[in-house]
Protein backbone atom coordinates (compact mmCIF):
# COMPACT_ATOMS: atom_id res chain seq x y z
CA ARG A 1 11.38 -9.57 -22.90
CA ILE A 2 10.48 -9.48 -19.40
CA PRO A 3 9.45 -6.40 -18.11
CA THR A 4 10.99 -4.03 -15.41
CA PRO A 5 8.97 -2.81 -12.85
CA ARG A 6 8.68 0.48 -14.06
CA GLY A 7 6.94 -1.47 -16.65
CA TYR A 8 4.57 -3.63 -14.71
CA ARG A 9 3.56 -0.30 -12.45
CA LEU A 10 2.56 0.97 -15.64
CA PHE A 11 0.50 -1.83 -16.42
CA VAL A 12 -1.19 -1.81 -13.16
CA ASP A 13 -1.81 2.11 -13.17
CA THR A 14 -3.45 2.79 -16.53
CA MET A 15 -4.18 -0.65 -17.76
CA LEU A 16 -5.11 -3.06 -15.66
CA THR A 17 -8.89 -4.49 -15.91
CA ILE A 18 -10.06 -6.23 -12.82
CA ARG A 19 -11.85 -9.11 -13.37
CA PRO A 20 -15.14 -10.63 -11.35
CA LEU A 21 -13.55 -13.94 -9.04
CA GLU A 22 -15.28 -17.24 -10.31
CA GLU A 23 -18.15 -17.80 -8.41
CA LEU A 24 -15.89 -21.26 -7.24
CA ALA A 25 -13.34 -19.40 -5.83
CA SER A 26 -15.77 -16.92 -4.29
CA LYS A 27 -17.91 -20.09 -2.61
CA GLN A 28 -14.34 -21.18 -1.44
CA VAL A 29 -13.71 -18.28 0.54
CA GLU A 30 -16.61 -17.90 1.93
CA GLN A 31 -16.82 -21.04 2.98
CA SER A 32 -13.35 -21.43 4.90
CA LEU A 33 -13.56 -18.09 7.05
CA TYR A 34 -16.32 -19.71 9.39
CA PRO A 35 -15.56 -17.77 12.85
CA ASP A 36 -14.75 -21.15 15.15
CA SER A 37 -12.37 -19.23 16.98
CA PRO A 38 -9.71 -16.11 15.54
CA GLN A 39 -6.53 -17.87 15.65
CA LYS A 40 -8.19 -20.38 13.38
CA VAL A 41 -9.99 -17.82 10.79
CA ILE A 42 -6.82 -16.00 10.29
CA SER A 43 -4.67 -19.37 9.36
CA SER A 44 -7.26 -20.38 7.01
CA ALA A 45 -7.65 -17.25 5.63
CA ALA A 46 -3.67 -17.22 5.08
CA GLN A 47 -3.85 -20.75 3.57
CA LEU A 48 -6.98 -19.77 1.03
CA LEU A 49 -5.36 -17.25 -0.07
CA SER A 50 -2.12 -19.35 -1.15
CA ASN A 51 -4.54 -22.04 -2.44
CA LEU A 52 -6.18 -19.93 -4.50
CA THR A 53 -3.31 -18.19 -6.11
CA HIS A 54 -0.60 -20.76 -5.98
CA PHE A 55 1.38 -18.44 -4.12
CA ALA A 56 2.24 -17.31 -0.31
CA GLY A 57 -0.58 -15.90 1.76
CA VAL A 58 0.14 -13.86 4.63
CA VAL A 59 -2.05 -12.61 7.44
CA MET A 60 -1.04 -9.93 10.13
CA THR A 61 -2.41 -10.96 13.12
CA PRO A 62 -4.80 -8.74 14.70
CA LYS A 63 -3.28 -5.45 16.93
CA ARG A 64 -5.21 -6.83 19.95
CA SER A 65 -4.13 -4.36 22.15
CA GLN A 66 -5.47 -1.36 19.98
CA ILE A 67 -9.06 -1.97 20.79
CA PHE A 68 -10.75 -3.26 24.41
CA LYS A 69 -14.64 -4.87 24.42
CA HIS A 70 -14.93 -5.88 27.81
CA ILE A 71 -12.98 -5.37 31.23
CA GLU A 72 -14.06 -6.68 34.50
CA PHE A 73 -12.24 -6.63 38.25
CA LEU A 74 -12.28 -9.87 40.65
CA ARG A 75 -11.35 -9.77 44.18
CA LEU A 76 -9.05 -12.96 44.71
CA GLY A 77 -8.40 -12.04 48.22
CA GLU A 78 -6.69 -9.48 50.42
CA GLY A 79 -4.66 -7.09 48.26
CA LYS A 80 -5.46 -9.02 44.87
CA ILE A 81 -7.79 -7.68 42.24
CA LEU A 82 -7.83 -10.04 39.32
CA LEU A 83 -8.19 -7.73 35.87
CA ILE A 84 -9.96 -9.48 33.24
CA LEU A 85 -9.14 -7.55 29.27
CA VAL A 86 -11.71 -9.21 26.50
CA THR A 87 -10.84 -7.57 22.91
CA PRO A 88 -12.92 -7.41 19.89
CA GLU A 89 -11.12 -10.67 18.22
CA GLY A 90 -12.29 -12.71 21.49
CA ASP A 91 -8.93 -13.14 23.23
CA VAL A 92 -9.19 -12.74 26.85
CA GLN A 93 -6.08 -11.17 29.46
CA ASN A 94 -5.50 -12.02 32.80
CA ARG A 95 -3.60 -9.83 34.63
CA ILE A 96 -3.18 -9.66 38.96
CA LEU A 97 -3.22 -6.25 40.01
CA PRO A 98 -1.60 -5.58 43.87
CA THR A 99 -3.29 -3.42 45.74
CA ASN A 100 -2.84 -1.79 49.40
CA GLN A 101 -7.07 -1.34 49.68
CA ASP A 102 -9.52 -3.85 50.46
CA TYR A 103 -12.11 -3.44 47.57
CA SER A 104 -15.47 -5.15 48.45
CA PRO A 105 -17.05 -6.79 45.27
CA ALA A 106 -19.62 -4.37 44.20
CA GLN A 107 -16.96 -1.78 44.55
CA LEU A 108 -15.51 -3.91 41.47
CA THR A 109 -18.07 -4.36 39.71
CA GLU A 110 -19.17 -0.77 40.16
CA ALA A 111 -15.77 0.07 38.23
CA SER A 112 -16.11 -2.59 35.75
CA ASN A 113 -19.55 -1.38 34.79
CA PHE A 114 -18.55 2.40 34.49
CA ILE A 115 -15.29 1.40 32.19
CA ASN A 116 -17.62 -0.84 30.24
CA THR A 117 -20.30 1.87 29.71
CA HIS A 118 -17.95 4.71 29.00
CA PHE A 119 -15.49 3.27 26.90
CA SER A 120 -16.14 -0.39 25.30
CA GLY A 121 -14.89 -0.53 22.09
CA LYS A 122 -12.44 2.72 22.11
CA SER A 123 -8.12 2.10 21.98
CA PHE A 124 -6.47 1.97 24.63
CA SER A 125 -4.61 4.77 24.75
CA GLU A 126 -7.85 6.84 24.67
CA VAL A 127 -9.02 4.89 27.79
CA ARG A 128 -6.29 5.75 29.50
CA ASN A 129 -6.16 9.55 28.20
CA ARG A 130 -10.24 10.20 29.11
CA LEU A 131 -9.58 8.11 32.33
CA ARG A 132 -7.16 9.76 33.40
CA ALA A 133 -8.46 13.12 32.35
CA GLU A 134 -11.41 12.52 34.57
CA LEU A 135 -10.21 10.48 37.85
CA ASP A 136 -10.34 13.65 40.05
CA HIS A 137 -14.39 13.46 39.56
CA LEU A 138 -14.90 9.89 40.30
CA ARG A 139 -15.51 8.68 43.51
CA GLY A 140 -12.54 8.03 45.39
CA ASP A 141 -13.13 4.18 45.06
CA ILE A 142 -13.15 3.88 41.60
CA ALA A 143 -10.48 6.68 40.82
CA GLY A 144 -7.91 4.01 42.79
CA LEU A 145 -9.29 1.09 40.58
CA MET A 146 -9.29 3.16 37.33
CA ALA A 147 -5.67 4.29 38.65
CA LEU A 148 -4.32 0.86 39.23
CA ALA A 149 -5.74 -0.34 35.90
CA LEU A 150 -4.03 2.29 34.15
CA ASP A 151 -0.75 1.43 35.70
CA ASN A 152 -0.50 -2.24 36.03
CA GLY A 153 -2.71 -3.74 33.26
CA VAL A 154 -3.74 -2.06 30.82
CA SER A 155 -1.04 0.04 30.05
CA ASP A 156 1.06 -3.25 30.19
CA THR A 157 -0.83 -5.65 28.12
CA GLY A 158 2.02 -7.00 25.99
CA LEU A 159 0.01 -7.27 22.68
CA ASN A 160 1.72 -4.12 21.04
CA HIS A 161 3.34 -6.23 18.39
CA PRO A 162 1.49 -7.66 16.16
CA ASP A 163 3.10 -11.40 14.33
CA MET A 164 1.93 -12.74 10.94
CA VAL A 165 0.73 -16.08 9.84
CA ILE A 166 2.83 -17.19 6.13
CA SER A 167 0.85 -19.69 4.42
CA GLY A 168 2.92 -21.79 0.64
CA GLU A 169 5.89 -20.51 0.89
CA ARG A 170 6.34 -23.37 -1.38
CA HIS A 171 4.47 -22.36 -3.79
CA LEU A 172 7.42 -20.09 -4.96
CA LEU A 173 9.80 -22.46 -5.12
CA ASP A 174 7.78 -23.22 -8.21
CA VAL A 175 8.43 -19.52 -9.98
CA GLY A 176 10.92 -20.10 -12.54
CA GLU A 177 12.28 -16.41 -11.83
CA LEU A 178 12.58 -17.33 -8.17
CA SER A 179 13.80 -20.36 -7.88
CA SER A 180 16.38 -20.24 -10.77
CA ASN A 181 18.87 -18.27 -8.60
CA LEU A 182 19.82 -19.77 -5.38
CA SER A 183 21.44 -16.06 -4.30
CA LYS A 184 18.14 -14.29 -4.97
CA LEU A 185 15.77 -17.90 -3.18
CA ARG A 186 18.08 -17.28 -0.18
CA LYS A 187 17.10 -13.84 0.09
CA MET A 188 13.55 -14.12 -0.47
CA PHE A 189 13.51 -17.00 2.04
CA ASP A 190 15.45 -14.55 4.86
CA MET A 191 12.92 -11.78 4.28
CA LEU A 192 10.17 -14.64 4.96
CA GLU A 193 11.50 -15.88 7.79
CA GLN A 194 12.95 -12.58 9.59
CA LYS A 195 9.39 -11.18 8.90
CA SER A 196 10.78 -7.46 9.92
CA LEU A 197 10.75 -5.86 5.98
CA LEU A 198 7.48 -7.76 5.58
CA MET A 199 5.97 -6.63 8.80
CA GLN A 200 7.07 -2.79 8.11
CA LEU A 201 5.27 -3.18 4.32
CA LEU A 202 1.85 -4.63 5.60
CA ASP A 203 1.83 -2.05 8.47
CA VAL A 204 1.92 0.27 5.94
CA SER A 205 -1.15 -1.37 3.69
CA SER A 206 -3.06 -0.78 7.62
CA HIS A 207 -2.76 2.50 7.16
CA ALA A 208 -3.88 2.77 3.29
CA ASP A 209 -7.73 2.57 2.11
CA GLY A 210 -7.88 -0.44 -0.27
CA ILE A 211 -5.85 -2.62 -2.05
CA GLN A 212 -2.43 -1.97 -2.24
CA ILE A 213 -0.21 -3.06 -4.71
CA PHE A 214 4.09 -3.33 -4.08
CA ILE A 215 6.37 -3.91 -6.96
CA GLY A 216 9.60 -5.00 -6.08
CA GLY A 217 12.46 -2.72 -6.79
CA GLU A 218 10.20 0.34 -6.16
CA SER A 219 11.16 1.10 -2.60
CA GLU A 220 13.35 -0.36 0.39
CA LEU A 221 10.18 -2.25 1.55
CA LEU A 222 10.35 -4.63 -1.44
CA PRO A 223 13.88 -4.89 -2.62
CA TYR A 224 13.38 -7.94 -4.69
CA GLU A 225 12.89 -6.75 -8.38
CA ASP A 226 11.08 -10.57 -9.22
CA LEU A 227 8.30 -10.22 -6.23
CA ALA A 228 5.43 -8.49 -5.36
CA VAL A 229 3.10 -7.75 -3.09
CA ILE A 230 -0.93 -7.46 -3.33
CA SER A 231 -2.66 -5.99 0.20
CA ALA A 232 -5.30 -5.21 1.98
CA PRO A 233 -6.58 -4.16 5.33
CA TYR A 234 -9.16 -6.22 7.19
CA SER A 235 -10.74 -4.70 10.27
CA VAL A 236 -12.91 -5.72 13.69
CA ASP A 237 -16.48 -3.84 13.95
CA GLY A 238 -15.49 -1.33 11.37
CA GLN A 239 -11.79 -0.64 13.36
CA VAL A 240 -8.47 -1.88 11.04
CA VAL A 241 -7.07 -4.39 13.28
CA GLY A 242 -4.19 -5.84 10.50
CA THR A 243 -3.19 -6.69 6.76
CA LEU A 244 -3.55 -9.48 4.36
CA GLY A 245 -1.90 -10.34 1.28
CA VAL A 246 -0.13 -12.27 -1.31
CA ILE A 247 3.45 -12.93 -2.24
CA GLY A 248 4.22 -13.93 -5.91
CA PRO A 249 6.27 -12.41 -8.71
CA THR A 250 5.88 -9.46 -10.67
CA ARG A 251 4.08 -11.25 -13.60
CA MET A 252 1.57 -12.67 -11.73
CA ALA A 253 -1.74 -12.40 -13.10
CA TYR A 254 -3.04 -9.31 -10.78
CA ASP A 255 -6.35 -9.38 -12.60
CA ARG A 256 -7.22 -12.21 -10.89
CA VAL A 257 -5.02 -11.83 -7.52
CA ILE A 258 -6.20 -8.50 -6.96
CA PRO A 259 -10.22 -9.59 -6.03
CA ILE A 260 -9.13 -12.66 -3.78
CA VAL A 261 -7.44 -10.44 -1.64
CA ASP A 262 -10.05 -7.87 -1.69
CA ILE A 263 -13.37 -10.31 -1.02
CA THR A 264 -10.89 -12.26 1.49
CA SER A 265 -10.53 -9.34 3.47
CA ARG A 266 -13.92 -8.37 3.36
CA LEU A 267 -14.57 -11.93 4.25
CA LEU A 268 -12.34 -12.06 7.07
CA SER A 269 -13.57 -8.83 8.22
CA GLY A 270 -16.89 -9.89 8.79
CA ALA A 271 -15.51 -13.62 10.28
CA LEU A 272 -13.78 -11.63 13.65
CA SER A 273 -16.45 -9.08 13.64
CA THR A 274 -19.63 -8.95 16.14
CA PRO A 275 -22.71 -10.77 14.62
């Protein structure tokens, strides 16, 4: 007799004993997540989750707009300033700002230094709120640059919608209860292709602490009774920026998959954070 989602939930909540991750698998995780580039590390993490579990691995890419690490203003010519934003993940965003005032290189450097000294590591929304409160107390040229950056640059980075990387969907075709029903199979791949439900589920995980287990049919976020998702948030320099996880059948070996998800989230956090 196949357990119901409620039966799986009872098992996970009351009887599950997590076993240590095998040494070989642990080394494989560690060796795969070298910080070559942020995007490569994220893709490697999704592929690694899939390879180790033989299910689908998924990683929500960082919410890059949430935190800024460094800002710089460069004079391009009369009436134009280049705004350069660097995120903790290493992404560099450029924006040309039109201005009616001609700023000197010294003024631009002073404004950059002020923002970096007082606000590096803060969220963009926090920077906006604090700078607006301080504009009246700043010297005119610096205040003008601050307002310019807020109105035309920082407030419109276009990075508010994280995407995700999915690897190993083909493994789900090897799961009998998923592949034997064409209708269920179509629904499952629609979910993976459209991503909206999965994004909502992973976003919920990003606000939780530690491992989260979603068993199909328990909520509208995962309306497929034969599927389960094990997820965990990951961070950059202590700030949660995304979520990763494994999508598999409800009958998966939770005691083995959970430590794989856990150690991958920890090592991905380390790989993306400042040394």
